[in-house]
Amino acid sequence: MNDSSIFDERGAAALLGCSTALMRKWRLFRMGPAYIKVGRLVRYLQADIDAFLDAHRVETNGAL
C-alpha cells in the first residue's frame, strides 16, 4: 500500500485489527488515528494510520 491510500472506518479497523465500535470510541475521546470528516463521511489516510502505529510502538531491548 502507498501513503495515498484512503480507508473508510471498516477498512481502517481491519488494518488496525480492531472493531468499528472501537474506532468510534477513539474518535469520541480523540485517542485514535487522525481522520478526515466530510459531512457524515469519516476517512483515514494510510499515512495517519502508520503515524498512529509508530506513536504506539514499544521498543524492547530483547534481553531476558
PDB file of N, CA and C in Angstrom:
ATOM      1  N   MET A   1       0.825  -1.186   0.000  1.00  0.00           N
ATOM      2  CA  MET A   1       0.000   0.000   0.000  1.00  0.00           C
ATOM      3  C   MET A   1       0.868   1.247   0.000  1.00  0.00           C
ATOM      4  N   ASN A   2       0.349   2.292  -0.593  1.00  0.00           N
ATOM      5  CA  ASN A   2       1.119   3.529  -0.586  1.00  0.00           C
ATOM      6  C   ASN A   2       0.497   4.529   0.379  1.00  0.00           C
ATOM      7  N   ASP A   3       1.201   5.618   0.607  1.00  0.00           N
ATOM      8  CA  ASP A   3       0.754   6.606   1.583  1.00  0.00           C
ATOM      9  C   ASP A   3      -0.495   7.358   1.172  1.00  0.00           C
ATOM     10  N   SER A   4      -0.910   7.256  -0.088  1.00  0.00           N
ATOM     11  CA  SER A   4      -2.092   7.990  -0.522  1.00  0.00           C
ATOM     12  C   SER A   4      -3.371   7.155  -0.422  1.00  0.00           C
ATOM     13  N   SER A   5      -3.275   5.958   0.150  1.00  0.00           N
ATOM     14  CA  SER A   5      -4.463   5.131   0.313  1.00  0.00           C
ATOM     15  C   SER A   5      -5.418   5.764   1.312  1.00  0.00           C
ATOM     16  N   ILE A   6      -6.706   5.656   1.015  1.00  0.00           N
ATOM     17  CA  ILE A   6      -7.750   6.204   1.890  1.00  0.00           C
ATOM     18  C   ILE A   6      -8.675   5.057   2.286  1.00  0.00           C
ATOM     19  N   PHE A   7      -9.012   4.993   3.569  1.00  0.00           N
ATOM     20  CA  PHE A   7      -9.845   3.910   4.081  1.00  0.00           C
ATOM     21  C   PHE A   7     -11.073   4.471   4.779  1.00  0.00           C
ATOM     22  N   ASP A   8     -12.170   3.748   4.668  1.00  0.00           N
ATOM     23  CA  ASP A   8     -13.331   4.089   5.478  1.00  0.00           C
ATOM     24  C   ASP A   8     -13.111   3.475   6.857  1.00  0.00           C
ATOM     25  N   GLU A   9     -14.074   3.656   7.735  1.00  0.00           N
ATOM     26  CA  GLU A   9     -13.946   3.175   9.109  1.00  0.00           C
ATOM     27  C   GLU A   9     -13.695   1.672   9.162  1.00  0.00           C
ATOM     28  N   ARG A  10     -14.415   0.926   8.353  1.00  0.00           N
ATOM     29  CA  ARG A  10     -14.285  -0.528   8.350  1.00  0.00           C
ATOM     30  C   ARG A  10     -12.901  -0.959   7.872  1.00  0.00           C
ATOM     31  N   GLY A  11     -12.404  -0.307   6.819  1.00  0.00           N
ATOM     32  CA  GLY A  11     -11.087  -0.637   6.295  1.00  0.00           C
ATOM     33  C   GLY A  11      -9.975  -0.297   7.269  1.00  0.00           C
ATOM     34  N   ALA A  12     -10.095   0.858   7.920  1.00  0.00           N
ATOM     35  CA  ALA A  12      -9.091   1.261   8.903  1.00  0.00           C
ATOM     36  C   ALA A  12      -9.101   0.308  10.096  1.00  0.00           C
ATOM     37  N   ALA A  13     -10.291  -0.074  10.544  1.00  0.00           N
ATOM     38  CA  ALA A  13     -10.396  -1.009  11.661  1.00  0.00           C
ATOM     39  C   ALA A  13      -9.756  -2.346  11.304  1.00  0.00           C
ATOM     40  N   ALA A  14      -9.962  -2.806  10.084  1.00  0.00           N
ATOM     41  CA  ALA A  14      -9.354  -4.069   9.648  1.00  0.00           C
ATOM     42  C   ALA A  14      -7.831  -3.959   9.656  1.00  0.00           C
ATOM     43  N   LEU A  15      -7.294  -2.832   9.204  1.00  0.00           N
ATOM     44  CA  LEU A  15      -5.838  -2.639   9.214  1.00  0.00           C
ATOM     45  C   LEU A  15      -5.278  -2.653  10.632  1.00  0.00           C
ATOM     46  N   LEU A  16      -6.026  -2.066  11.558  1.00  0.00           N
ATOM     47  CA  LEU A  16      -5.567  -1.982  12.940  1.00  0.00           C
ATOM     48  C   LEU A  16      -5.927  -3.217  13.759  1.00  0.00           C
ATOM     49  N   GLY A  17      -6.749  -4.089  13.195  1.00  0.00           N
ATOM     50  CA  GLY A  17      -7.138  -5.303  13.911  1.00  0.00           C
ATOM     51  C   GLY A  17      -8.086  -5.031  15.064  1.00  0.00           C
ATOM     52  N   CYS A  18      -8.965  -4.054  14.888  1.00  0.00           N
ATOM     53  CA  CYS A  18      -9.923  -3.728  15.945  1.00  0.00           C
ATOM     54  C   CYS A  18     -11.319  -3.605  15.336  1.00  0.00           C
ATOM     55  N   SER A  19     -12.290  -3.336  16.174  1.00  0.00           N
ATOM     56  CA  SER A  19     -13.672  -3.218  15.707  1.00  0.00           C
ATOM     57  C   SER A  19     -13.988  -1.784  15.283  1.00  0.00           C
ATOM     58  N   THR A  20     -15.055  -1.648  14.506  1.00  0.00           N
ATOM     59  CA  THR A  20     -15.511  -0.301  14.141  1.00  0.00           C
ATOM     60  C   THR A  20     -16.023   0.438  15.376  1.00  0.00           C
ATOM     61  N   ALA A  21     -16.544  -0.301  16.342  1.00  0.00           N
ATOM     62  CA  ALA A  21     -17.010   0.325  17.589  1.00  0.00           C
ATOM     63  C   ALA A  21     -15.835   0.976  18.321  1.00  0.00           C
ATOM     64  N   LEU A  22     -14.682   0.327  18.315  1.00  0.00           N
ATOM     65  CA  LEU A  22     -13.509   0.914  18.963  1.00  0.00           C
ATOM     66  C   LEU A  22     -13.044   2.148  18.199  1.00  0.00           C
ATOM     67  N   MET A  23     -13.120   2.102  16.875  1.00  0.00           N
ATOM     68  CA  MET A  23     -12.746   3.275  16.080  1.00  0.00           C
ATOM     69  C   MET A  23     -13.636   4.461  16.455  1.00  0.00           C
ATOM     70  N   ARG A  24     -14.936   4.226  16.637  1.00  0.00           N
ATOM     71  CA  ARG A  24     -15.871   5.290  17.024  1.00  0.00           C
ATOM     72  C   ARG A  24     -15.548   5.816  18.419  1.00  0.00           C
ATOM     73  N   LYS A  25     -15.218   4.905  19.329  1.00  0.00           N
ATOM     74  CA  LYS A  25     -14.874   5.302  20.695  1.00  0.00           C
ATOM     75  C   LYS A  25     -13.604   6.144  20.690  1.00  0.00           C
ATOM     76  N   TRP A  26     -12.619   5.738  19.900  1.00  0.00           N
ATOM     77  CA  TRP A  26     -11.390   6.520  19.797  1.00  0.00           C
ATOM     78  C   TRP A  26     -11.675   7.921  19.271  1.00  0.00           C
ATOM     79  N   ARG A  27     -12.550   8.023  18.265  1.00  0.00           N
ATOM     80  CA  ARG A  27     -12.892   9.349  17.734  1.00  0.00           C
ATOM     81  C   ARG A  27     -13.580  10.193  18.795  1.00  0.00           C
ATOM     82  N   LEU A  28     -14.489   9.586  19.540  1.00  0.00           N
ATOM     83  CA  LEU A  28     -15.219  10.302  20.576  1.00  0.00           C
ATOM     84  C   LEU A  28     -14.266  10.888  21.614  1.00  0.00           C
ATOM     85  N   PHE A  29     -13.266  10.107  22.004  1.00  0.00           N
ATOM     86  CA  PHE A  29     -12.321  10.540  23.028  1.00  0.00           C
ATOM     87  C   PHE A  29     -11.013  11.075  22.449  1.00  0.00           C
ATOM     88  N   ARG A  30     -10.966  11.256  21.121  1.00  0.00           N
ATOM     89  CA  ARG A  30      -9.792  11.796  20.421  1.00  0.00           C
ATOM     90  C   ARG A  30      -8.517  11.038  20.786  1.00  0.00           C
ATOM     91  N   MET A  31      -8.603   9.713  20.702  1.00  0.00           N
ATOM     92  CA  MET A  31      -7.484   8.856  21.077  1.00  0.00           C
ATOM     93  C   MET A  31      -6.884   8.095  19.894  1.00  0.00           C
ATOM     94  N   GLY A  32      -7.617   7.915  18.847  1.00  0.00           N
ATOM     95  CA  GLY A  32      -7.180   7.076  17.740  1.00  0.00           C
ATOM     96  C   GLY A  32      -6.398   7.834  16.699  1.00  0.00           C
ATOM     97  N   PRO A  33      -6.248   7.215  15.537  1.00  0.00           N
ATOM     98  CA  PRO A  33      -5.522   7.886  14.458  1.00  0.00           C
ATOM     99  C   PRO A  33      -6.288   9.105  13.956  1.00  0.00           C
ATOM    100  N   ALA A  34      -5.549  10.054  13.392  1.00  0.00           N
ATOM    101  CA  ALA A  34      -6.173  11.236  12.791  1.00  0.00           C
ATOM    102  C   ALA A  34      -7.113  10.781  11.683  1.00  0.00           C
ATOM    103  N   TYR A  35      -8.156  11.555  11.453  1.00  0.00           N
ATOM    104  CA  TYR A  35      -9.131  11.197  10.424  1.00  0.00           C
ATOM    105  C   TYR A  35      -9.624  12.442   9.723  1.00  0.00           C
ATOM    106  N   ILE A  36     -10.290  12.212   8.621  1.00  0.00           N
ATOM    107  CA  ILE A  36     -10.880  13.289   7.835  1.00  0.00           C
ATOM    108  C   ILE A  36     -12.387  13.106   7.886  1.00  0.00           C
ATOM    109  N   LYS A  37     -13.109  14.180   8.130  1.00  0.00           N
ATOM    110  CA  LYS A  37     -14.567  14.100   8.171  1.00  0.00           C
ATOM    111  C   LYS A  37     -15.146  15.108   7.195  1.00  0.00           C
ATOM    112  N   VAL A  38     -15.922  14.604   6.262  1.00  0.00           N
ATOM    113  CA  VAL A  38     -16.616  15.442   5.287  1.00  0.00           C
ATOM    114  C   VAL A  38     -18.097  15.114   5.432  1.00  0.00           C
ATOM    115  N   GLY A  39     -18.829  16.021   6.035  1.00  0.00           N
ATOM    116  CA  GLY A  39     -20.225  15.720   6.332  1.00  0.00           C
ATOM    117  C   GLY A  39     -20.275  14.550   7.310  1.00  0.00           C
ATOM    118  N   ARG A  40     -20.947  13.487   6.912  1.00  0.00           N
ATOM    119  CA  ARG A  40     -21.043  12.290   7.753  1.00  0.00           C
ATOM    120  C   ARG A  40     -19.978  11.254   7.427  1.00  0.00           C
ATOM    121  N   LEU A  41     -19.224  11.488   6.365  1.00  0.00           N
ATOM    122  CA  LEU A  41     -18.201  10.533   5.940  1.00  0.00           C
ATOM    123  C   LEU A  41     -16.936  10.671   6.780  1.00  0.00           C
ATOM    124  N   VAL A  42     -16.428   9.552   7.254  1.00  0.00           N
ATOM    125  CA  VAL A  42     -15.174   9.524   8.009  1.00  0.00           C
ATOM    126  C   VAL A  42     -14.180   8.705   7.197  1.00  0.00           C
ATOM    127  N   ARG A  43     -13.007   9.277   6.958  1.00  0.00           N
ATOM    128  CA  ARG A  43     -11.982   8.597   6.179  1.00  0.00           C
ATOM    129  C   ARG A  43     -10.644   8.702   6.892  1.00  0.00           C
ATOM    130  N   TYR A  44      -9.814   7.681   6.690  1.00  0.00           N
ATOM    131  CA  TYR A  44      -8.492   7.617   7.297  1.00  0.00           C
ATOM    132  C   TYR A  44      -7.451   7.491   6.195  1.00  0.00           C
ATOM    133  N   LEU A  45      -6.380   8.265   6.304  1.00  0.00           N
ATOM    134  CA  LEU A  45      -5.275   8.167   5.368  1.00  0.00           C
ATOM    135  C   LEU A  45      -4.279   7.120   5.860  1.00  0.00           C
ATOM    136  N   GLN A  46      -3.673   6.402   4.938  1.00  0.00           N
ATOM    137  CA  GLN A  46      -2.673   5.399   5.294  1.00  0.00           C
ATOM    138  C   GLN A  46      -1.561   6.032   6.126  1.00  0.00           C
ATOM    139  N   ALA A  47      -1.127   7.225   5.742  1.00  0.00           N
ATOM    140  CA  ALA A  47      -0.049   7.899   6.470  1.00  0.00           C
ATOM    141  C   ALA A  47      -0.443   8.163   7.928  1.00  0.00           C
ATOM    142  N   ASP A  48      -1.703   8.508   8.174  1.00  0.00           N
ATOM    143  CA  ASP A  48      -2.159   8.767   9.544  1.00  0.00           C
ATOM    144  C   ASP A  48      -2.243   7.484  10.359  1.00  0.00           C
ATOM    145  N   ILE A  49      -2.647   6.403   9.728  1.00  0.00           N
ATOM    146  CA  ILE A  49      -2.686   5.103  10.413  1.00  0.00           C
ATOM    147  C   ILE A  49      -1.262   4.674  10.760  1.00  0.00           C
ATOM    148  N   ASP A  50      -0.344   4.838   9.813  1.00  0.00           N
ATOM    149  CA  ASP A  50       1.057   4.491  10.062  1.00  0.00           C
ATOM    150  C   ASP A  50       1.638   5.325  11.195  1.00  0.00           C
ATOM    151  N   ALA A  51       1.331   6.635  11.213  1.00  0.00           N
ATOM    152  CA  ALA A  51       1.831   7.520  12.269  1.00  0.00           C
ATOM    153  C   ALA A  51       1.275   7.107  13.629  1.00  0.00           C
ATOM    154  N   PHE A  52       0.006   6.723  13.667  1.00  0.00           N
ATOM    155  CA  PHE A  52      -0.619   6.266  14.912  1.00  0.00           C
ATOM    156  C   PHE A  52       0.084   5.019  15.430  1.00  0.00           C
ATOM    157  N   LEU A  53       0.349   4.075  14.536  1.00  0.00           N
ATOM    158  CA  LEU A  53       1.041   2.850  14.942  1.00  0.00           C
ATOM    159  C   LEU A  53       2.461   3.153  15.409  1.00  0.00           C
ATOM    160  N   ASP A  54       3.161   4.016  14.704  1.00  0.00           N
ATOM    161  CA  ASP A  54       4.531   4.390  15.101  1.00  0.00           C
ATOM    162  C   ASP A  54       4.544   5.050  16.474  1.00  0.00           C
ATOM    163  N   ALA A  55       3.551   5.882  16.753  1.00  0.00           N
ATOM    164  CA  ALA A  55       3.482   6.578  18.037  1.00  0.00           C
ATOM    165  C   ALA A  55       3.231   5.620  19.200  1.00  0.00           C
ATOM    166  N   HIS A  56       2.681   4.447  18.912  1.00  0.00           N
ATOM    167  CA  HIS A  56       2.373   3.485  19.963  1.00  0.00           C
ATOM    168  C   HIS A  56       3.326   2.291  19.968  1.00  0.00           C
ATOM    169  N   ARG A  57       4.394   2.422  19.235  1.00  0.00           N
ATOM    170  CA  ARG A  57       5.395   1.357  19.175  1.00  0.00           C
ATOM    171  C   ARG A  57       6.149   1.300  20.498  1.00  0.00           C
ATOM    172  N   VAL A  58       6.332   0.095  21.000  1.00  0.00           N
ATOM    173  CA  VAL A  58       7.066  -0.120  22.243  1.00  0.00           C
ATOM    174  C   VAL A  58       8.364  -0.833  21.896  1.00  0.00           C
ATOM    175  N   GLU A  59       9.471  -0.187  22.182  1.00  0.00           N
ATOM    176  CA  GLU A  59      10.788  -0.787  21.919  1.00  0.00           C
ATOM    177  C   GLU A  59      11.176  -1.678  23.084  1.00  0.00           C
ATOM    178  N   THR A  60      11.796  -2.783  22.762  1.00  0.00           N
ATOM    179  CA  THR A  60      12.336  -3.671  23.798  1.00  0.00           C
ATOM    180  C   THR A  60      13.816  -3.869  23.533  1.00  0.00           C
ATOM    181  N   ASN A  61      14.545  -4.259  24.561  1.00  0.00           N
ATOM    182  CA  ASN A  61      15.972  -4.466  24.373  1.00  0.00           C
ATOM    183  C   ASN A  61      16.290  -5.909  24.009  1.00  0.00           C
ATOM    184  N   GLY A  62      15.313  -6.791  24.063  1.00  0.00           N
ATOM    185  CA  GLY A  62      15.490  -8.178  23.657  1.00  0.00           C
ATOM    186  C   GLY A  62      16.169  -9.065  24.677  1.00  0.00           C
ATOM    187  N   ALA A  63      16.631  -8.509  25.786  1.00  0.00           N
ATOM    188  CA  ALA A  63      17.320  -9.312  26.813  1.00  0.00           C
ATOM    189  C   ALA A  63      16.305  -9.946  27.748  1.00  0.00           C
ATOM    190  N   LEU A  64      16.593 -11.137  28.149  1.00  0.00           N
ATOM    191  CA  LEU A  64      15.727 -11.829  29.112  1.00  0.00           C
ATOM    192  C   LEU A  64      16.446 -12.051  30.411  1.00  0.00           C
TER     193      LEU A  64
END
